[in-house]
């Protein structure tokens, strides 16, 4: 479970940093043409929006 907890914690931190740099980043995710660049799929983005 430690690895999962670390992953979730790191993802939450990463998400927070992205939103601080670009407040509309997650809200406008669907408008981006190259979402795969960030390595995220739709369920991951939905999770990060709720963190």
PDB file of N, CA and C in Angstrom:
ATOM      1  N   UNK A   1       0.815  -1.203   0.000  1.00  0.00           N
ATOM      2  CA  UNK A   1       0.000   0.000   0.000  1.00  0.00           C
ATOM      3  C   UNK A   1       0.856   1.264   0.000  1.00  0.00           C
ATOM      4  N   UNK A   2       2.072   1.168   0.488  1.00  0.00           N
ATOM      5  CA  UNK A   2       2.917   2.357   0.545  1.00  0.00           C
ATOM      6  C   UNK A   2       3.142   2.946  -0.849  1.00  0.00           C
ATOM      7  N   UNK A   3       3.380   2.081  -1.838  1.00  0.00           N
ATOM      8  CA  UNK A   3       3.607   2.566  -3.198  1.00  0.00           C
ATOM      9  C   UNK A   3       2.385   3.290  -3.745  1.00  0.00           C
ATOM     10  N   UNK A   4       1.213   2.749  -3.489  1.00  0.00           N
ATOM     11  CA  UNK A   4      -0.028   3.379  -3.946  1.00  0.00           C
ATOM     12  C   UNK A   4      -0.218   4.719  -3.257  1.00  0.00           C
ATOM     13  N   UNK A   5       0.009   4.775  -1.954  1.00  0.00           N
ATOM     14  CA  UNK A   5      -0.128   6.031  -1.218  1.00  0.00           C
ATOM     15  C   UNK A   5       0.839   7.081  -1.749  1.00  0.00           C
ATOM     16  N   UNK A   6       2.056   6.659  -2.058  1.00  0.00           N
ATOM     17  CA  UNK A   6       3.047   7.579  -2.615  1.00  0.00           C
ATOM     18  C   UNK A   6       2.600   8.072  -3.986  1.00  0.00           C
ATOM     19  N   UNK A   7       2.101   7.166  -4.810  1.00  0.00           N
ATOM     20  CA  UNK A   7       1.623   7.538  -6.135  1.00  0.00           C
ATOM     21  C   UNK A   7       0.493   8.556  -6.047  1.00  0.00           C
ATOM     22  N   UNK A   8      -0.471   8.294  -5.196  1.00  0.00           N
ATOM     23  CA  UNK A   8      -1.609   9.206  -5.044  1.00  0.00           C
ATOM     24  C   UNK A   8      -1.139  10.555  -4.519  1.00  0.00           C
ATOM     25  N   UNK A   9      -0.257  10.549  -3.553  1.00  0.00           N
ATOM     26  CA  UNK A   9       0.278  11.792  -3.004  1.00  0.00           C
ATOM     27  C   UNK A   9       1.027  12.586  -4.070  1.00  0.00           C
ATOM     28  N   UNK A  10       1.874  11.897  -4.826  1.00  0.00           N
ATOM     29  CA  UNK A  10       2.628  12.572  -5.885  1.00  0.00           C
ATOM     30  C   UNK A  10       1.709  13.115  -6.969  1.00  0.00           C
ATOM     31  N   UNK A  11       0.681  12.355  -7.322  1.00  0.00           N
ATOM     32  CA  UNK A  11      -0.269  12.827  -8.329  1.00  0.00           C
ATOM     33  C   UNK A  11      -1.020  14.060  -7.847  1.00  0.00           C
ATOM     34  N   UNK A  12      -1.401  14.067  -6.587  1.00  0.00           N
ATOM     35  CA  UNK A  12      -2.098  15.225  -6.037  1.00  0.00           C
ATOM     36  C   UNK A  12      -1.195  16.453  -6.056  1.00  0.00           C
ATOM     37  N   UNK A  13       0.062  16.279  -5.701  1.00  0.00           N
ATOM     38  CA  UNK A  13       1.021  17.386  -5.720  1.00  0.00           C
ATOM     39  C   UNK A  13       1.228  17.886  -7.146  1.00  0.00           C
ATOM     40  N   UNK A  14       1.400  16.961  -8.080  1.00  0.00           N
ATOM     41  CA  UNK A  14       1.576  17.318  -9.487  1.00  0.00           C
ATOM     42  C   UNK A  14       0.363  18.088 -10.003  1.00  0.00           C
ATOM     43  N   UNK A  15      -0.831  17.608  -9.669  1.00  0.00           N
ATOM     44  CA  UNK A  15      -2.060  18.267 -10.093  1.00  0.00           C
ATOM     45  C   UNK A  15      -2.139  19.682  -9.527  1.00  0.00           C
ATOM     46  N   UNK A  16      -1.801  19.830  -8.264  1.00  0.00           N
ATOM     47  CA  UNK A  16      -1.836  21.149  -7.625  1.00  0.00           C
ATOM     48  C   UNK A  16      -0.865  22.107  -8.309  1.00  0.00           C
ATOM     49  N   UNK A  17       0.325  21.614  -8.637  1.00  0.00           N
ATOM     50  CA  UNK A  17       1.319  22.457  -9.301  1.00  0.00           C
ATOM     51  C   UNK A  17       0.834  22.881 -10.693  1.00  0.00           C
ATOM     52  N   UNK A  18       0.221  21.961 -11.428  1.00  0.00           N
ATOM     53  CA  UNK A  18      -0.305  22.304 -12.753  1.00  0.00           C
ATOM     54  C   UNK A  18      -1.375  23.377 -12.653  1.00  0.00           C
ATOM     55  N   UNK A  19      -2.275  23.218 -11.698  1.00  0.00           N
ATOM     56  CA  UNK A  19      -3.372  24.173 -11.549  1.00  0.00           C
ATOM     57  C   UNK A  19      -2.856  25.533 -11.084  1.00  0.00           C
ATOM     58  N   UNK A  20      -1.813  25.556 -10.266  1.00  0.00           N
ATOM     59  CA  UNK A  20      -1.223  26.828  -9.857  1.00  0.00           C
ATOM     60  C   UNK A  20      -0.621  27.555 -11.055  1.00  0.00           C
ATOM     61  N   UNK A  21       0.010  26.799 -11.958  1.00  0.00           N
ATOM     62  CA  UNK A  21       0.600  27.392 -13.159  1.00  0.00           C
ATOM     63  C   UNK A  21      -0.472  27.816 -14.155  1.00  0.00           C
ATOM     64  N   UNK A  22      -1.517  27.024 -14.270  1.00  0.00           N
ATOM     65  CA  UNK A  22      -2.587  27.271 -15.238  1.00  0.00           C
ATOM     66  C   UNK A  22      -3.908  26.872 -14.597  1.00  0.00           C
ATOM     67  N   UNK A  23      -4.609  27.828 -13.957  1.00  0.00           N
ATOM     68  CA  UNK A  23      -5.839  27.501 -13.232  1.00  0.00           C
ATOM     69  C   UNK A  23      -6.905  26.785 -14.070  1.00  0.00           C
ATOM     70  N   UNK A  24      -6.901  26.956 -15.357  1.00  0.00           N
ATOM     71  CA  UNK A  24      -7.900  26.304 -16.193  1.00  0.00           C
ATOM     72  C   UNK A  24      -7.431  24.994 -16.793  1.00  0.00           C
ATOM     73  N   UNK A  25      -6.271  24.520 -16.369  1.00  0.00           N
ATOM     74  CA  UNK A  25      -5.675  23.326 -16.984  1.00  0.00           C
ATOM     75  C   UNK A  25      -6.621  22.134 -16.991  1.00  0.00           C
ATOM     76  N   UNK A  26      -7.138  21.740 -15.856  1.00  0.00           N
ATOM     77  CA  UNK A  26      -8.000  20.555 -15.798  1.00  0.00           C
ATOM     78  C   UNK A  26      -9.380  20.823 -16.385  1.00  0.00           C
ATOM     79  N   UNK A  27      -9.892  22.032 -16.193  1.00  0.00           N
ATOM     80  CA  UNK A  27     -11.203  22.371 -16.760  1.00  0.00           C
ATOM     81  C   UNK A  27     -11.173  22.336 -18.285  1.00  0.00           C
ATOM     82  N   UNK A  28     -10.045  22.724 -18.871  1.00  0.00           N
ATOM     83  CA  UNK A  28      -9.928  22.810 -20.325  1.00  0.00           C
ATOM     84  C   UNK A  28      -9.236  21.607 -20.941  1.00  0.00           C
ATOM     85  N   UNK A  29      -9.065  20.552 -20.170  1.00  0.00           N
ATOM     86  CA  UNK A  29      -8.335  19.370 -20.628  1.00  0.00           C
ATOM     87  C   UNK A  29      -8.894  18.818 -21.935  1.00  0.00           C
ATOM     88  N   UNK A  30     -10.221  18.757 -22.035  1.00  0.00           N
ATOM     89  CA  UNK A  30     -10.852  18.168 -23.218  1.00  0.00           C
ATOM     90  C   UNK A  30     -10.585  18.973 -24.487  1.00  0.00           C
ATOM     91  N   UNK A  31     -10.189  20.233 -24.350  1.00  0.00           N
ATOM     92  CA  UNK A  31      -9.927  21.078 -25.512  1.00  0.00           C
ATOM     93  C   UNK A  31      -8.518  20.882 -26.070  1.00  0.00           C
ATOM     94  N   UNK A  32      -7.652  20.268 -25.304  1.00  0.00           N
ATOM     95  CA  UNK A  32      -6.266  20.084 -25.737  1.00  0.00           C
ATOM     96  C   UNK A  32      -6.177  18.992 -26.793  1.00  0.00           C
ATOM     97  N   UNK A  33      -5.357  19.236 -27.784  1.00  0.00           N
ATOM     98  CA  UNK A  33      -5.240  18.274 -28.882  1.00  0.00           C
ATOM     99  C   UNK A  33      -4.314  17.119 -28.531  1.00  0.00           C
ATOM    100  N   UNK A  34      -3.307  17.355 -27.725  1.00  0.00           N
ATOM    101  CA  UNK A  34      -2.300  16.328 -27.465  1.00  0.00           C
ATOM    102  C   UNK A  34      -2.298  15.931 -25.992  1.00  0.00           C
ATOM    103  N   UNK A  35      -3.413  15.401 -25.509  1.00  0.00           N
ATOM    104  CA  UNK A  35      -3.510  15.007 -24.109  1.00  0.00           C
ATOM    105  C   UNK A  35      -2.531  13.902 -23.756  1.00  0.00           C
ATOM    106  N   UNK A  36      -2.202  13.044 -24.706  1.00  0.00           N
ATOM    107  CA  UNK A  36      -1.302  11.925 -24.425  1.00  0.00           C
ATOM    108  C   UNK A  36       0.084  12.408 -24.020  1.00  0.00           C
ATOM    109  N   UNK A  37       0.421  13.627 -24.386  1.00  0.00           N
ATOM    110  CA  UNK A  37       1.725  14.180 -24.033  1.00  0.00           C
ATOM    111  C   UNK A  37       1.940  14.145 -22.523  1.00  0.00           C
ATOM    112  N   UNK A  38       0.903  14.388 -21.773  1.00  0.00           N
ATOM    113  CA  UNK A  38       1.002  14.409 -20.321  1.00  0.00           C
ATOM    114  C   UNK A  38       0.898  13.017 -19.709  1.00  0.00           C
ATOM    115  N   UNK A  39       0.577  12.028 -20.505  1.00  0.00           N
ATOM    116  CA  UNK A  39       0.503  10.662 -20.015  1.00  0.00           C
ATOM    117  C   UNK A  39      -0.721  10.383 -19.164  1.00  0.00           C
ATOM    118  N   UNK A  40      -1.761  11.177 -19.314  1.00  0.00           N
ATOM    119  CA  UNK A  40      -2.962  10.989 -18.502  1.00  0.00           C
ATOM    120  C   UNK A  40      -4.123  10.548 -19.372  1.00  0.00           C
ATOM    121  N   UNK A  41      -4.940   9.694 -18.820  1.00  0.00           N
ATOM    122  CA  UNK A  41      -6.154   9.313 -19.505  1.00  0.00           C
ATOM    123  C   UNK A  41      -7.334   9.988 -18.811  1.00  0.00           C
ATOM    124  N   UNK A  42      -8.508   9.854 -19.358  1.00  0.00           N
ATOM    125  CA  UNK A  42      -9.685  10.541 -18.827  1.00  0.00           C
ATOM    126  C   UNK A  42      -9.984  10.170 -17.379  1.00  0.00           C
ATOM    127  N   UNK A  43      -9.972   8.890 -16.963  1.00  0.00           N
ATOM    128  CA  UNK A  43     -10.242   8.582 -15.557  1.00  0.00           C
ATOM    129  C   UNK A  43      -9.233   9.231 -14.605  1.00  0.00           C
ATOM    130  N   UNK A  44      -7.982   9.313 -15.013  1.00  0.00           N
ATOM    131  CA  UNK A  44      -6.976   9.935 -14.152  1.00  0.00           C
ATOM    132  C   UNK A  44      -7.260  11.416 -13.997  1.00  0.00           C
ATOM    133  N   UNK A  45      -7.609  12.074 -15.070  1.00  0.00           N
ATOM    134  CA  UNK A  45      -7.930  13.503 -15.006  1.00  0.00           C
ATOM    135  C   UNK A  45      -9.148  13.722 -14.126  1.00  0.00           C
ATOM    136  N   UNK A  46     -10.165  12.890 -14.261  1.00  0.00           N
ATOM    137  CA  UNK A  46     -11.358  13.015 -13.423  1.00  0.00           C
ATOM    138  C   UNK A  46     -10.991  12.858 -11.954  1.00  0.00           C
ATOM    139  N   UNK A  47     -10.111  11.920 -11.653  1.00  0.00           N
ATOM    140  CA  UNK A  47      -9.658  11.729 -10.277  1.00  0.00           C
ATOM    141  C   UNK A  47      -8.925  12.971  -9.780  1.00  0.00           C
ATOM    142  N   UNK A  48      -8.029  13.494 -10.593  1.00  0.00           N
ATOM    143  CA  UNK A  48      -7.234  14.645 -10.174  1.00  0.00           C
ATOM    144  C   UNK A  48      -8.095  15.877  -9.951  1.00  0.00           C
ATOM    145  N   UNK A  49      -9.181  16.009 -10.680  1.00  0.00           N
ATOM    146  CA  UNK A  49     -10.065  17.148 -10.492  1.00  0.00           C
ATOM    147  C   UNK A  49     -10.758  17.098  -9.132  1.00  0.00           C
ATOM    148  N   UNK A  50     -10.870  15.915  -8.567  1.00  0.00           N
ATOM    149  CA  UNK A  50     -11.566  15.757  -7.291  1.00  0.00           C
ATOM    150  C   UNK A  50     -10.628  15.673  -6.104  1.00  0.00           C
ATOM    151  N   UNK A  51      -9.344  15.865  -6.322  1.00  0.00           N
ATOM    152  CA  UNK A  51      -8.363  15.775  -5.225  1.00  0.00           C
ATOM    153  C   UNK A  51      -8.329  17.087  -4.488  1.00  0.00           C
TER     154      UNK A  51
END
